[in-house]
């Protein structure tokens, strides 16, 4: 058995980063670690993924989408 010192990372191809303070606020979306676009809603995440050729059936599936800095309902800064 091999051991890894790295923490578990989701195999998700899509990563949605935390809310950026702007007017309007947005979240950066990455596919395979590369910046793809800015999302201002869950719908934007779905559209960006589709443009990258990835179909999302469930935004709660952590094997598909990795949410950082808040979940799918977090679209504003505190």
N, C-alpha and C. Protein backbone atom coordinates (compact mmCIF):
# COMPACT_ATOMS: atom_id res chain seq x y z
N UNK A 1 0.83 -1.18 0.00
CA UNK A 1 0.00 0.00 0.00
C UNK A 1 0.88 1.24 0.00
N UNK A 2 0.56 2.16 -0.86
CA UNK A 2 1.33 3.40 -0.91
C UNK A 2 0.62 4.47 -0.11
N UNK A 3 1.39 5.34 0.48
CA UNK A 3 0.83 6.44 1.26
C UNK A 3 1.10 7.74 0.55
N UNK A 4 0.18 8.65 0.71
CA UNK A 4 0.33 9.98 0.12
C UNK A 4 0.21 11.01 1.23
N UNK A 5 1.09 11.99 1.22
CA UNK A 5 1.03 13.04 2.23
C UNK A 5 0.05 14.13 1.82
N UNK A 6 -0.41 14.10 0.56
CA UNK A 6 -1.35 15.10 0.09
C UNK A 6 -2.75 14.77 0.59
N UNK A 7 -3.52 15.80 0.98
CA UNK A 7 -4.89 15.54 1.41
C UNK A 7 -5.73 15.08 0.22
N UNK A 8 -6.85 14.42 0.53
CA UNK A 8 -7.74 13.95 -0.53
C UNK A 8 -8.21 15.13 -1.36
N UNK A 9 -8.16 14.98 -2.65
CA UNK A 9 -8.67 16.00 -3.55
C UNK A 9 -9.76 15.40 -4.39
N UNK A 10 -10.79 16.15 -4.62
CA UNK A 10 -11.91 15.69 -5.43
C UNK A 10 -11.46 15.46 -6.86
N UNK A 11 -11.98 14.41 -7.49
CA UNK A 11 -11.65 14.18 -8.89
C UNK A 11 -12.42 15.10 -9.83
N UNK A 12 -13.20 16.02 -9.25
CA UNK A 12 -14.04 16.91 -10.06
C UNK A 12 -13.21 17.70 -11.07
N UNK A 13 -13.71 17.76 -12.29
CA UNK A 13 -13.04 18.55 -13.32
C UNK A 13 -13.36 20.03 -13.18
N UNK A 14 -14.50 20.34 -12.56
CA UNK A 14 -14.94 21.73 -12.43
C UNK A 14 -14.72 22.18 -10.99
N UNK A 15 -14.07 23.34 -10.83
CA UNK A 15 -13.87 23.94 -9.53
C UNK A 15 -14.47 25.34 -9.56
N UNK A 16 -15.30 25.63 -8.56
CA UNK A 16 -15.89 26.96 -8.44
C UNK A 16 -15.27 27.60 -7.21
N UNK A 17 -14.51 28.66 -7.42
CA UNK A 17 -13.79 29.33 -6.33
C UNK A 17 -14.70 30.28 -5.57
N UNK A 18 -14.21 30.79 -4.45
CA UNK A 18 -15.00 31.67 -3.59
C UNK A 18 -15.43 32.96 -4.26
N UNK A 19 -16.40 33.61 -3.64
CA UNK A 19 -16.98 34.85 -4.18
C UNK A 19 -15.94 35.96 -4.20
N UNK A 20 -15.86 36.64 -5.33
CA UNK A 20 -14.98 37.79 -5.50
C UNK A 20 -15.80 39.06 -5.27
N UNK A 21 -15.31 39.96 -4.41
CA UNK A 21 -16.06 41.18 -4.14
C UNK A 21 -15.99 42.13 -5.33
N UNK A 22 -17.07 42.25 -6.02
CA UNK A 22 -17.17 43.12 -7.19
C UNK A 22 -18.62 43.55 -7.30
N UNK A 23 -18.92 44.34 -8.27
CA UNK A 23 -20.29 44.75 -8.50
C UNK A 23 -20.70 44.36 -9.91
N UNK A 24 -21.38 43.25 -10.11
CA UNK A 24 -21.88 42.30 -9.11
C UNK A 24 -20.81 41.30 -8.70
N UNK A 25 -20.98 40.68 -7.54
CA UNK A 25 -20.03 39.64 -7.11
C UNK A 25 -20.04 38.47 -8.08
N UNK A 26 -18.92 37.76 -8.17
CA UNK A 26 -18.84 36.62 -9.08
C UNK A 26 -17.93 35.56 -8.48
N UNK A 27 -17.96 34.38 -9.08
CA UNK A 27 -17.07 33.28 -8.68
C UNK A 27 -16.32 32.81 -9.92
N UNK A 28 -15.04 32.56 -9.76
CA UNK A 28 -14.22 32.06 -10.85
C UNK A 28 -14.48 30.57 -11.03
N UNK A 29 -14.62 30.16 -12.28
CA UNK A 29 -14.85 28.75 -12.60
C UNK A 29 -13.63 28.23 -13.35
N UNK A 30 -13.09 27.11 -12.87
CA UNK A 30 -11.96 26.46 -13.52
C UNK A 30 -12.38 25.08 -14.01
N UNK A 31 -11.85 24.68 -15.14
CA UNK A 31 -12.02 23.32 -15.64
C UNK A 31 -10.63 22.73 -15.79
N UNK A 32 -10.41 21.60 -15.15
CA UNK A 32 -9.10 20.95 -15.16
C UNK A 32 -7.99 21.89 -14.72
N UNK A 33 -8.30 22.77 -13.74
CA UNK A 33 -7.31 23.68 -13.18
C UNK A 33 -7.05 24.92 -14.00
N UNK A 34 -7.79 25.12 -15.07
CA UNK A 34 -7.58 26.28 -15.95
C UNK A 34 -8.77 27.22 -15.87
N UNK A 35 -8.49 28.53 -15.76
CA UNK A 35 -9.56 29.54 -15.72
C UNK A 35 -10.41 29.43 -16.98
N UNK A 36 -11.72 29.33 -16.78
CA UNK A 36 -12.63 29.24 -17.92
C UNK A 36 -13.57 30.43 -17.98
N UNK A 37 -14.02 30.91 -16.82
CA UNK A 37 -14.94 32.04 -16.84
C UNK A 37 -15.35 32.48 -15.46
N UNK A 38 -16.25 33.47 -15.45
CA UNK A 38 -16.79 34.01 -14.21
C UNK A 38 -18.27 33.69 -14.15
N UNK A 39 -18.71 33.21 -13.01
CA UNK A 39 -20.12 32.87 -12.82
C UNK A 39 -20.73 33.79 -11.78
N UNK A 40 -21.94 34.23 -12.04
CA UNK A 40 -22.68 35.04 -11.09
C UNK A 40 -23.88 34.30 -10.53
N UNK A 41 -24.04 33.03 -10.97
CA UNK A 41 -25.15 32.21 -10.50
C UNK A 41 -24.86 30.74 -10.82
N UNK A 42 -25.71 29.87 -10.26
CA UNK A 42 -25.59 28.44 -10.57
C UNK A 42 -25.80 28.19 -12.06
N UNK A 43 -26.70 28.95 -12.66
CA UNK A 43 -26.95 28.79 -14.09
C UNK A 43 -25.70 29.07 -14.90
N UNK A 44 -24.94 30.10 -14.50
CA UNK A 44 -23.69 30.40 -15.19
C UNK A 44 -22.71 29.23 -15.11
N UNK A 45 -22.66 28.56 -13.95
CA UNK A 45 -21.77 27.40 -13.80
C UNK A 45 -22.17 26.31 -14.80
N UNK A 46 -23.47 26.06 -14.90
CA UNK A 46 -23.96 25.05 -15.84
C UNK A 46 -23.62 25.42 -17.29
N UNK A 47 -23.79 26.69 -17.64
CA UNK A 47 -23.50 27.13 -19.01
C UNK A 47 -22.01 27.06 -19.33
N UNK A 48 -21.18 27.47 -18.38
CA UNK A 48 -19.73 27.42 -18.58
C UNK A 48 -19.28 25.98 -18.76
N UNK A 49 -19.82 25.09 -17.93
CA UNK A 49 -19.48 23.67 -18.04
C UNK A 49 -19.90 23.12 -19.40
N UNK A 50 -21.09 23.46 -19.83
CA UNK A 50 -21.59 22.97 -21.12
C UNK A 50 -20.71 23.46 -22.26
N UNK A 51 -20.26 24.70 -22.19
CA UNK A 51 -19.37 25.24 -23.23
C UNK A 51 -18.05 24.48 -23.26
N UNK A 52 -17.65 23.93 -22.10
CA UNK A 52 -16.41 23.15 -22.03
C UNK A 52 -16.66 21.68 -22.36
N UNK A 53 -17.91 21.35 -22.70
CA UNK A 53 -18.24 19.98 -23.08
C UNK A 53 -18.54 19.07 -21.91
N UNK A 54 -18.85 19.65 -20.74
CA UNK A 54 -19.15 18.87 -19.55
C UNK A 54 -20.61 19.09 -19.17
N UNK A 55 -21.36 18.02 -19.08
CA UNK A 55 -22.75 18.10 -18.67
C UNK A 55 -22.83 17.83 -17.17
N UNK A 56 -23.48 18.74 -16.45
CA UNK A 56 -23.66 18.58 -15.01
C UNK A 56 -25.12 18.21 -14.77
N UNK A 57 -25.33 17.05 -14.15
CA UNK A 57 -26.68 16.62 -13.81
C UNK A 57 -27.04 16.97 -12.38
N UNK A 58 -26.02 17.13 -11.53
CA UNK A 58 -26.26 17.38 -10.11
C UNK A 58 -25.14 18.26 -9.56
N UNK A 59 -25.47 19.50 -9.22
CA UNK A 59 -24.47 20.43 -8.69
C UNK A 59 -23.97 20.02 -7.31
N UNK A 60 -24.63 19.06 -6.66
CA UNK A 60 -24.19 18.57 -5.36
C UNK A 60 -23.25 17.38 -5.46
N UNK A 61 -23.01 16.89 -6.67
CA UNK A 61 -22.14 15.74 -6.88
C UNK A 61 -20.68 16.21 -6.81
N UNK A 62 -20.01 15.91 -5.70
CA UNK A 62 -18.64 16.37 -5.50
C UNK A 62 -17.64 15.70 -6.44
N UNK A 63 -18.05 14.67 -7.12
CA UNK A 63 -17.19 14.06 -8.14
C UNK A 63 -17.24 14.85 -9.44
N UNK A 64 -18.19 15.78 -9.54
CA UNK A 64 -18.36 16.57 -10.76
C UNK A 64 -17.95 18.02 -10.53
N UNK A 65 -18.40 18.60 -9.42
CA UNK A 65 -18.13 20.02 -9.12
C UNK A 65 -17.54 20.14 -7.73
N UNK A 66 -16.45 20.86 -7.62
CA UNK A 66 -15.82 21.14 -6.32
C UNK A 66 -16.07 22.60 -5.99
N UNK A 67 -16.75 22.85 -4.88
CA UNK A 67 -17.08 24.21 -4.44
C UNK A 67 -16.08 24.63 -3.36
N UNK A 68 -15.44 25.77 -3.56
CA UNK A 68 -14.47 26.29 -2.60
C UNK A 68 -14.98 27.65 -2.12
N UNK A 69 -14.96 27.87 -0.82
CA UNK A 69 -15.38 29.16 -0.29
C UNK A 69 -16.88 29.33 -0.27
N UNK A 70 -17.60 28.25 -0.10
CA UNK A 70 -19.06 28.31 -0.06
C UNK A 70 -19.66 27.39 -1.10
N UNK A 71 -20.87 26.94 -0.83
CA UNK A 71 -21.54 26.01 -1.73
C UNK A 71 -22.27 26.70 -2.86
N UNK A 72 -23.15 25.96 -3.49
CA UNK A 72 -23.83 26.44 -4.69
C UNK A 72 -24.78 27.60 -4.42
N UNK A 73 -25.13 27.84 -3.16
CA UNK A 73 -26.02 28.95 -2.84
C UNK A 73 -25.27 30.21 -2.38
N UNK A 74 -23.96 30.18 -2.39
CA UNK A 74 -23.14 31.31 -1.93
C UNK A 74 -22.73 32.16 -3.12
N UNK A 75 -23.36 33.33 -3.27
CA UNK A 75 -23.06 34.20 -4.40
C UNK A 75 -22.82 35.65 -3.99
N UNK A 76 -22.76 35.91 -2.69
CA UNK A 76 -22.45 37.25 -2.21
C UNK A 76 -21.39 37.16 -1.13
N UNK A 77 -20.70 38.26 -0.88
CA UNK A 77 -19.71 38.30 0.19
C UNK A 77 -20.42 38.65 1.49
N UNK A 78 -19.89 38.16 2.61
CA UNK A 78 -20.55 38.44 3.92
C UNK A 78 -20.47 39.90 4.29
